[in-house]
Structures are given as structure tokens and as C-alpha cells.
């Protein structure tokens, strides 16, 4: 505190009143300064003791996690597609499908299809193995009597070998297809919900396909172990049941041969389900783009935009339909083969159920043999039920998800109809005509478009063929 007497003594040339006023001002400023410094020190102390230890680390971790999350989120359509389809692309190349070099790259310039590559040679070897198995099954039909079992083997190997060939065609078009995706300029319609949806779809269906294969192996093991043939090892009996056409070669059996046949059989079994899962994922991804465009229209219903806005939105819809057409040109063969094989095996399974019943035959143990079975002799029944249900679920998943693309393209029209008359313009009229004037859907090599009405048509076809088969089977028995 500044003393009044000292100031008055040192400033004798000034009046006492003036010195007194200056003294009061200086004291007031000093008090304010001390008060402010004290408050700042208190705030700093509180911040150091309470806020900083408790919230500083949480704030920094929250910021870091947010930045990390943003860095992982897809920023464009190509990145979203690659991250969503990563599991499918890796699994496909493992079983010899879509042998594209750099299939997971985010730069389309690094994607290429080469005939002289390990991936292409691997796919060709699996194709040769699948085709050879189909040819041997046909040769067995030529030498012995025809049966439903051997026909199912022939259809199985022929369809999977054709799947491998079609995916070679897809691989040839894949780099250009990804360039079309980049050039579509639809990055503002990125749907972040698609990535986890496609990942979980891939994991679920591929896991069920693996479980189906394991149940098949368990059934063959049970049938070969409960009553083994003389002079044959259990594994030799297992191979004879799994590959009945192998006997036509009259070749000596080796363990290495059995391992090779089991590997080809595993790749072929996953191949059978892979094409369906691939089409489901593709359909979901393409549908999400149309769904985002429709959402933009719904959000603009109660707003007044200029015709230029609707012109730009119609241009986005046009680019989306062109992108769907590009994907359809590349994968329409897979769709056709998927419908054909699923229709055949559904009819076959239903025919077996109507002819022999659901229970089928139990595995009867040989006398004196104490082989422990997983399902107590019901292995064929468990496998048959699971395989039939899984086949039906795959068919419905492919049909419904592919049909959703057509439904999503038509769902835009009601949103345009709901626009107020004050904003109605020529661009909106052209938009409505474009929605109704073109068919936006995946197809089976342009033979048919996958719509919801097609599902009912296929169901009617299945019922018709089942009635014909049952009638034909009854006439044969009589």
C-alpha cells in the first residue's frame, strides 16, 4: 500500500488536494491488480488440481479417437466398396475366383488383369480339376445306371466350373468397372451403414457355407466308419463315398491324392455358395446409392429449390443408373447361373422330400462295432435339413436383395409427386418420366430382370415342376 504522508512529503510543489486524488487512484488500481492476480491464481490452481487431471486426458483421447474414426471412414465410393467387399475379394481369390492383381487397391491404375500371373494359373488349375470331376461323373453315368445322386454330382461340378469361367470374365472387366465407379462422381452419396452390413453378411454366409461343408464331411465319415469294407482303410472308404467317380480311374490310392481331392472339394463347395453371397453384397451396395438419392429428394420436399437443383439431382440419378448398368454387364452371368443352379437343387431337394420323406434313412451300425457318432446316426438327416434350408435362404437372399434395386429406383417417383406445385418445373417432369421410362435392375444376361414379381413367377415354376416330377415318378412305380 502506498503511504499518503510519504507522497505528500516528496511532492511539495503540488497541492495537497491533487496529491490526495492521485494517491486514491493509485491505491484503487493496486487493489484491482491484486484482486485480478489472486483470481487468476485461484483459477489456475483449480484447473491444475481438478480440471486438467480429470478432463485433459479424456479430451485428448476423445479427439484422437474421433480423428482415428474419421481417418477410417470411407471418403468416396471406391474406398467404401473396397472396404466393404474386402472379405469377399480375398476369399474369392483363395478359391480361384476373380483373379485380379491389386483387387484391394484404392488406386484403379494399380488394378489389372494378366493372363500370365499366379492368380490366373491357379484359377485355371481349379477349373481343370472341376471340369475333370464333372467329366468323370458323366463317364460313370455312361458305364452304370443313372441316378439322382450322380446327376446332382454332375450338376454341382458343372455349375461350379462355369462359375469359375464367369468370374474370369468378371476379372477381365474388373479394372474398367472400378474406373466407372470412380468416374460416376457419386461420392456425396456414400452410405456408411453399408460397410458393416456387407462385412457381417459376408462373414455370416461364408461361415454357414463352411458349416455345411463340415456337416457333409461328418456324414461321409459316419457312413464310412460305422461299417467299413474289408481290405480298405477308413480313409479309403471315406474317399469312395465322397467321390464315387474316382473308382472309374482304377488308380492306386495314396494319401496325397485324398488330400488333393479334399482341397478341390472344399474350394468347389465354397464356390457354390460364394456366387450367391457375392450377388447379395453387390445388390446391397448398389441399392444404397439409390436409397441416398431418394433421401435427398425426401429432404427437399418442403423446400423451394431452383430448377438447377433438380437438374443436378436428376444428373446424379442418371449416373447411378449407368453405374448399375455397368455392374450388370459384368455380373449378369453370375445372376443367371445362380438362379439356374438354385432352381435345380431346390426342385431336387423337394422331390427327395416328397418321395422319401424328411427323416430319410438312419445310419445303421455293424454288429460288434462301437463307433461313436456325433448325431447318433442322424448325420444324413441333419445335413439334408441344414443344406435345404441354407439353399432356400441363399435363393431368397439373392432374389430379394437384387429386387430391392428395382424397388429403390421406383421409390423415387412418389417423392417427386409429393413436391409442392410451386416448385414444379420441367426438370421435375423429366425426372418423373425418366424414372418410369427405364428399367433399373440387375438381370440374368438380359434374359430376365430381377424384380419382386419374378420371385412369385419362380415359386410358381417350382411348384409346377414338382407336380410333374411327382406324377412322372408315380407312373414309373406303377
Foldseek 3Di string as FASTA:
>chain_A
DDDLVVQCVVCVVDDSVVSVVVVVVVVVVVVVVVVVVVVVVVVVVCCVVPVCVPPVVVVVVVVVVVVVVVVQFDQFLLLLVLLQCVVLVVLQLVLLFLLWQPPNDSDLVRIADDCPDPSNVNLVVLLVVLVVLLVLLVVVVVVDPDDPVSVLSNLLSVLLSVLSVLRSLLNNCVSVLSVLRVVLPLSVLDDRVLRVVSVVLVVVLLVLLVVLVVLVLLVLLLQCPQDHDPPDDSVRSSCCVVRVSVVVVVDDDDPVVSVVVVVSVSSSSSSLLSLLSVLLSVLSSLLSSLVSLLVVLLVCQPPADALVVLLVSLSSVVSSLVSLVSVLVSCLQSVQSLVVSLLVVLLVLVLCCVVQNLQHDFRDGDPPDDDDGPVRRSSVSVSSVSVNVSSVVSVVSSLVSQQSSQVSLLVSLVSLVSHDPVRDDPSSVVSNCVSVVDGRTRHNVPPDGRHPVVVVVSVVVSVVVNVVVVVVVVVVVD
